[in-house]
């Protein structure tokens, strides 16, 4: 499953500042069972808007990780909070089907 949210960088800050916190928190979160990786993407034409994607084997595993308080992760997230606005987009199941051009493999 994928947990997707939009990140808007506030004036006077950079996407790189948020990316630093994102990577530090993700390195810890990715140690949880079921974690499959994270991605940040810049919006075309708006470098201060990002989409963040966290991939998990299941919603239950993601929820279990969220239920375990990790003070180090909480501090990293708290440190980034003043310079971003985060809006959850939603939680999505892995696709039921993927259509790829002939001869290409799914990543």
Protein backbone atom coordinates (compact mmCIF):
# COMPACT_ATOMS: atom_id res chain seq x y z
CA UNK A 1 0.00 0.00 0.00
CA UNK A 2 1.03 3.59 -0.44
CA UNK A 3 0.54 6.47 1.98
CA UNK A 4 0.69 9.72 0.01
CA UNK A 5 0.76 13.29 1.21
CA UNK A 6 1.48 16.75 -0.15
CA UNK A 7 4.20 18.86 1.44
CA UNK A 8 4.26 22.63 0.94
CA UNK A 9 7.47 24.39 1.92
CA UNK A 10 6.91 27.71 3.70
CA UNK A 11 8.58 30.94 2.56
CA UNK A 12 12.15 31.29 3.70
CA UNK A 13 12.78 27.54 3.67
CA UNK A 14 13.79 25.01 1.04
CA UNK A 15 12.72 21.58 -0.11
CA UNK A 16 16.25 20.43 0.71
CA UNK A 17 15.69 21.30 4.39
CA UNK A 18 12.61 19.10 4.44
CA UNK A 19 14.33 16.36 2.45
CA UNK A 20 17.07 16.21 5.10
CA UNK A 21 14.49 15.59 7.83
CA UNK A 22 12.56 13.19 5.56
CA UNK A 23 15.63 11.04 4.96
CA UNK A 24 16.64 10.98 8.64
CA UNK A 25 13.13 9.93 9.74
CA UNK A 26 12.73 7.49 6.84
CA UNK A 27 15.97 5.69 7.69
CA UNK A 28 14.48 4.87 11.09
CA UNK A 29 10.93 4.18 9.90
CA UNK A 30 12.20 1.86 7.17
CA UNK A 31 13.49 -0.51 9.84
CA UNK A 32 9.87 -1.41 10.72
CA UNK A 33 8.43 -4.68 9.44
CA UNK A 34 6.62 -4.19 6.14
CA UNK A 35 8.33 -0.93 5.16
CA UNK A 36 9.09 -0.85 1.42
CA UNK A 37 10.67 2.56 0.92
CA UNK A 38 9.90 6.23 0.57
CA UNK A 39 10.02 8.82 -2.21
CA UNK A 40 9.82 12.60 -2.50
CA UNK A 41 8.86 14.23 -5.81
CA UNK A 42 8.90 17.94 -6.67
CA UNK A 43 5.85 19.35 -8.40
CA UNK A 44 6.65 20.49 -11.92
CA UNK A 45 6.66 24.28 -12.00
CA UNK A 46 6.49 24.61 -8.21
CA UNK A 47 9.70 23.54 -6.46
CA UNK A 48 8.18 24.31 -3.04
CA UNK A 49 5.48 21.67 -3.40
CA UNK A 50 6.39 18.03 -2.98
CA UNK A 51 4.50 14.78 -3.01
CA UNK A 52 5.71 12.25 -0.49
CA UNK A 53 5.07 8.54 -0.88
CA UNK A 54 5.68 5.88 1.74
CA UNK A 55 5.25 2.29 0.56
CA UNK A 56 4.27 -0.56 2.88
CA UNK A 57 3.45 -4.25 2.51
CA UNK A 58 0.13 -3.61 4.27
CA UNK A 59 -1.90 -0.94 6.05
CA UNK A 60 -1.80 -3.05 9.21
CA UNK A 61 2.01 -2.96 9.23
CA UNK A 62 2.05 0.79 8.70
CA UNK A 63 -0.51 1.27 11.46
CA UNK A 64 1.57 -0.95 13.78
CA UNK A 65 4.63 1.23 13.14
CA UNK A 66 2.57 4.37 13.86
CA UNK A 67 1.40 2.79 17.13
CA UNK A 68 4.97 2.40 18.37
CA UNK A 69 6.18 5.75 19.71
CA UNK A 70 9.76 6.42 18.71
CA UNK A 71 11.03 9.62 20.36
CA UNK A 72 13.83 10.03 17.80
CA UNK A 73 11.38 9.93 14.87
CA UNK A 74 8.99 12.25 16.72
CA UNK A 75 11.78 14.79 17.29
CA UNK A 76 12.81 14.75 13.63
CA UNK A 77 9.21 15.31 12.53
CA UNK A 78 8.74 18.04 15.14
CA UNK A 79 11.92 19.78 13.92
CA UNK A 80 10.56 20.01 10.36
CA UNK A 81 7.00 21.01 11.28
CA UNK A 82 7.60 24.79 11.53
CA UNK A 83 8.64 25.12 7.88
CA UNK A 84 6.13 22.89 6.10
CA UNK A 85 2.39 22.36 5.72
CA UNK A 86 1.52 18.70 5.22
CA UNK A 87 -1.77 17.53 3.75
CA UNK A 88 -2.55 13.80 3.60
CA UNK A 89 -3.72 12.79 0.13
CA UNK A 90 -4.70 9.29 1.22
CA UNK A 91 -3.85 5.65 1.62
CA UNK A 92 -3.94 3.53 -1.52
CA UNK A 93 -3.84 -0.21 -2.11
CA UNK A 94 -1.25 -1.59 -4.50
CA UNK A 95 -2.68 -1.60 -8.03
CA UNK A 96 -4.92 -4.45 -9.08
CA UNK A 97 -3.40 -4.20 -12.53
CA UNK A 98 -0.50 -2.47 -14.22
CA UNK A 99 -0.47 -1.80 -17.96
CA UNK A 100 3.04 -1.56 -19.38
CA UNK A 101 4.14 -1.05 -22.99
CA UNK A 102 5.04 -4.35 -24.68
CA UNK A 103 8.51 -5.61 -23.75
CA UNK A 104 8.85 -3.47 -20.59
CA UNK A 105 8.93 -4.76 -17.05
CA UNK A 106 7.23 -3.15 -14.06
CA UNK A 107 9.76 -1.52 -11.67
